[in-house]
Amino acid sequence: CPGQGDQVVNARKAQALGVGLEVPRPFPEVGEEEQARNKYRSDVTAALKAVIASEAFSSKASECAERLRLCGGVVRAAEVMLEAADRRKQNVEVKLPAVGGA
């Protein structure tokens, strides 16, 4: 059900991993906003109830959590991201031309 920034991609990933459901955000015509909003709320509610009620989603979430834990968890993920950002920063600094001929 997410609809902004990386939320749309994350919703698709969650569905592909079997840990959630994507509920496409509506893009209603002018004058149909309230009807679309009500349907969206209903669709999100139904998706949440389905995820909560299904052992399959819980099982997949537990499997994902265990894989993340075995890879070092949040701490290792943060380290990898910081290392990648540092490498990118170093590459960008090396590749940028001098400004103003300096």
C-alpha atoms as a PDB file:
ATOM      1  CA  CYS A   1       0.000   0.000   0.000  1.00  0.00           C
ATOM      2  CA  PRO A   2       2.929   2.451   0.193  1.00  0.00           C
ATOM      3  CA  GLY A   3       2.884   5.252  -2.301  1.00  0.00           C
ATOM      4  CA  GLN A   4       5.834   7.622  -2.043  1.00  0.00           C
ATOM      5  CA  GLY A   5       9.596   7.531  -2.532  1.00  0.00           C
ATOM      6  CA  ASP A   6      11.055   4.055  -2.210  1.00  0.00           C
ATOM      7  CA  GLN A   7       7.847   2.734  -0.643  1.00  0.00           C
ATOM      8  CA  VAL A   8       6.447   1.506  -3.955  1.00  0.00           C
ATOM      9  CA  VAL A   9       9.614  -0.493  -4.661  1.00  0.00           C
ATOM     10  CA  ASN A  10       9.691  -1.807  -1.094  1.00  0.00           C
ATOM     11  CA  ALA A  11       6.069  -2.934  -1.344  1.00  0.00           C
ATOM     12  CA  ARG A  12       6.883  -4.883  -4.506  1.00  0.00           C
ATOM     13  CA  LYS A  13       9.916  -6.440  -2.823  1.00  0.00           C
ATOM     14  CA  ALA A  14       7.856  -7.397   0.233  1.00  0.00           C
ATOM     15  CA  GLN A  15       5.307  -9.097  -1.979  1.00  0.00           C
ATOM     16  CA  ALA A  16       8.013 -10.853  -4.025  1.00  0.00           C
ATOM     17  CA  LEU A  17       9.614 -12.103  -0.793  1.00  0.00           C
ATOM     18  CA  GLY A  18       6.246 -13.328   0.457  1.00  0.00           C
ATOM     19  CA  VAL A  19       6.283 -11.123   3.568  1.00  0.00           C
ATOM     20  CA  GLY A  20       3.565  -8.680   2.534  1.00  0.00           C
ATOM     21  CA  LEU A  21       1.103  -7.564  -0.085  1.00  0.00           C
ATOM     22  CA  GLU A  22       1.284  -4.585  -2.398  1.00  0.00           C
ATOM     23  CA  VAL A  23      -1.837  -2.456  -2.642  1.00  0.00           C
ATOM     24  CA  PRO A  24      -1.486  -0.125  -5.627  1.00  0.00           C
ATOM     25  CA  ARG A  25      -2.126   3.505  -4.806  1.00  0.00           C
ATOM     26  CA  PRO A  26      -5.047   4.954  -6.773  1.00  0.00           C
ATOM     27  CA  PHE A  27      -4.742   7.879  -9.143  1.00  0.00           C
ATOM     28  CA  PRO A  28      -8.354   9.025  -9.379  1.00  0.00           C
ATOM     29  CA  GLU A  29      -9.863  11.414 -11.863  1.00  0.00           C
ATOM     30  CA  VAL A  30     -10.918  14.820 -10.605  1.00  0.00           C
ATOM     31  CA  GLY A  31     -14.120  14.441  -8.622  1.00  0.00           C
ATOM     32  CA  GLU A  32     -13.528  10.739  -7.856  1.00  0.00           C
ATOM     33  CA  GLU A  33     -11.025  11.281  -5.029  1.00  0.00           C
ATOM     34  CA  GLU A  34     -13.330  10.366  -2.145  1.00  0.00           C
ATOM     35  CA  GLN A  35     -14.499   7.149  -3.782  1.00  0.00           C
ATOM     36  CA  ALA A  36     -10.889   6.192  -4.585  1.00  0.00           C
ATOM     37  CA  ARG A  37      -9.764   7.032  -1.044  1.00  0.00           C
ATOM     38  CA  ASN A  38     -12.510   4.865   0.460  1.00  0.00           C
ATOM     39  CA  LYS A  39     -11.693   1.947  -1.838  1.00  0.00           C
ATOM     40  CA  TYR A  40      -7.977   2.302  -1.080  1.00  0.00           C
ATOM     41  CA  ARG A  41      -8.668   2.223   2.670  1.00  0.00           C
ATOM     42  CA  SER A  42     -10.795  -0.867   2.188  1.00  0.00           C
ATOM     43  CA  ASP A  43      -8.122  -2.554   0.052  1.00  0.00           C
ATOM     44  CA  VAL A  44      -5.378  -1.738   2.571  1.00  0.00           C
ATOM     45  CA  THR A  45      -7.511  -3.048   5.431  1.00  0.00           C
ATOM     46  CA  ALA A  46      -8.196  -6.288   3.550  1.00  0.00           C
ATOM     47  CA  ALA A  47      -4.491  -6.731   2.741  1.00  0.00           C
ATOM     48  CA  LEU A  48      -3.460  -6.138   6.359  1.00  0.00           C
ATOM     49  CA  LYS A  49      -6.033  -8.629   7.606  1.00  0.00           C
ATOM     50  CA  ALA A  50      -4.843 -11.193   5.056  1.00  0.00           C
ATOM     51  CA  VAL A  51      -1.196 -10.770   6.066  1.00  0.00           C
ATOM     52  CA  ILE A  52      -1.967 -10.942   9.780  1.00  0.00           C
ATOM     53  CA  ALA A  53      -4.191 -14.024   9.381  1.00  0.00           C
ATOM     54  CA  SER A  54      -1.810 -15.995   7.171  1.00  0.00           C
ATOM     55  CA  GLU A  55       0.850 -18.227   8.678  1.00  0.00           C
ATOM     56  CA  ALA A  56       2.639 -18.156   5.314  1.00  0.00           C
ATOM     57  CA  PHE A  57       3.483 -14.448   5.676  1.00  0.00           C
ATOM     58  CA  SER A  58       4.673 -14.941   9.248  1.00  0.00           C
ATOM     59  CA  SER A  59       6.817 -17.882   8.230  1.00  0.00           C
ATOM     60  CA  LYS A  60       8.413 -15.997   5.345  1.00  0.00           C
ATOM     61  CA  ALA A  61       9.074 -12.990   7.598  1.00  0.00           C
ATOM     62  CA  SER A  62      10.807 -15.272  10.116  1.00  0.00           C
ATOM     63  CA  GLU A  63      12.919 -16.775   7.329  1.00  0.00           C
ATOM     64  CA  CYS A  64      13.934 -13.296   6.123  1.00  0.00           C
ATOM     65  CA  ALA A  65      14.770 -12.209   9.665  1.00  0.00           C
ATOM     66  CA  GLU A  66      16.984 -15.262  10.154  1.00  0.00           C
ATOM     67  CA  ARG A  67      18.822 -14.665   6.852  1.00  0.00           C
ATOM     68  CA  LEU A  68      19.421 -11.046   7.853  1.00  0.00           C
ATOM     69  CA  ARG A  69      20.664 -12.134  11.276  1.00  0.00           C
ATOM     70  CA  LEU A  70      23.087 -14.641   9.723  1.00  0.00           C
ATOM     71  CA  CYS A  71      24.462 -11.890   7.461  1.00  0.00           C
ATOM     72  CA  GLY A  72      25.203  -9.597  10.405  1.00  0.00           C
ATOM     73  CA  GLY A  73      21.855  -7.913  10.846  1.00  0.00           C
ATOM     74  CA  VAL A  74      21.267  -4.186  10.931  1.00  0.00           C
ATOM     75  CA  VAL A  75      24.782  -3.421  12.158  1.00  0.00           C
ATOM     76  CA  ARG A  76      26.396  -5.131   9.170  1.00  0.00           C
ATOM     77  CA  ALA A  77      23.896  -3.571   6.752  1.00  0.00           C
ATOM     78  CA  ALA A  78      24.787  -0.121   8.082  1.00  0.00           C
ATOM     79  CA  GLU A  79      28.506  -0.877   7.752  1.00  0.00           C
ATOM     80  CA  VAL A  80      28.076  -1.992   4.134  1.00  0.00           C
ATOM     81  CA  MET A  81      26.086   1.138   3.289  1.00  0.00           C
ATOM     82  CA  LEU A  82      28.658   3.429   4.906  1.00  0.00           C
ATOM     83  CA  GLU A  83      31.517   1.648   3.130  1.00  0.00           C
ATOM     84  CA  ALA A  84      29.724   1.973  -0.213  1.00  0.00           C
ATOM     85  CA  ALA A  85      29.010   5.658   0.406  1.00  0.00           C
ATOM     86  CA  ASP A  86      32.648   6.257   1.310  1.00  0.00           C
ATOM     87  CA  ARG A  87      33.871   4.479  -1.849  1.00  0.00           C
ATOM     88  CA  ARG A  88      31.403   6.450  -3.950  1.00  0.00           C
ATOM     89  CA  LYS A  89      32.489   9.713  -2.364  1.00  0.00           C
ATOM     90  CA  GLN A  90      36.136   8.901  -3.073  1.00  0.00           C
ATOM     91  CA  ASN A  91      35.361   8.041  -6.707  1.00  0.00           C
ATOM     92  CA  VAL A  92      33.291  11.189  -7.198  1.00  0.00           C
ATOM     93  CA  GLU A  93      35.994  13.375  -5.698  1.00  0.00           C
ATOM     94  CA  VAL A  94      38.622  11.825  -7.966  1.00  0.00           C
ATOM     95  CA  LYS A  95      36.491  12.084 -11.117  1.00  0.00           C
ATOM     96  CA  LEU A  96      35.240  15.655 -10.703  1.00  0.00           C
ATOM     97  CA  PRO A  97      37.045  18.242 -12.859  1.00  0.00           C
ATOM     98  CA  ALA A  98      38.540  21.300 -11.223  1.00  0.00           C
ATOM     99  CA  VAL A  99      36.093  24.174 -10.903  1.00  0.00           C
ATOM    100  CA  GLY A 100      37.094  27.487 -12.498  1.00  0.00           C
ATOM    101  CA  GLY A 101      40.288  26.087 -13.964  1.00  0.00           C
ATOM    102  CA  ALA A 102      41.859  25.592 -10.536  1.00  0.00           C
END
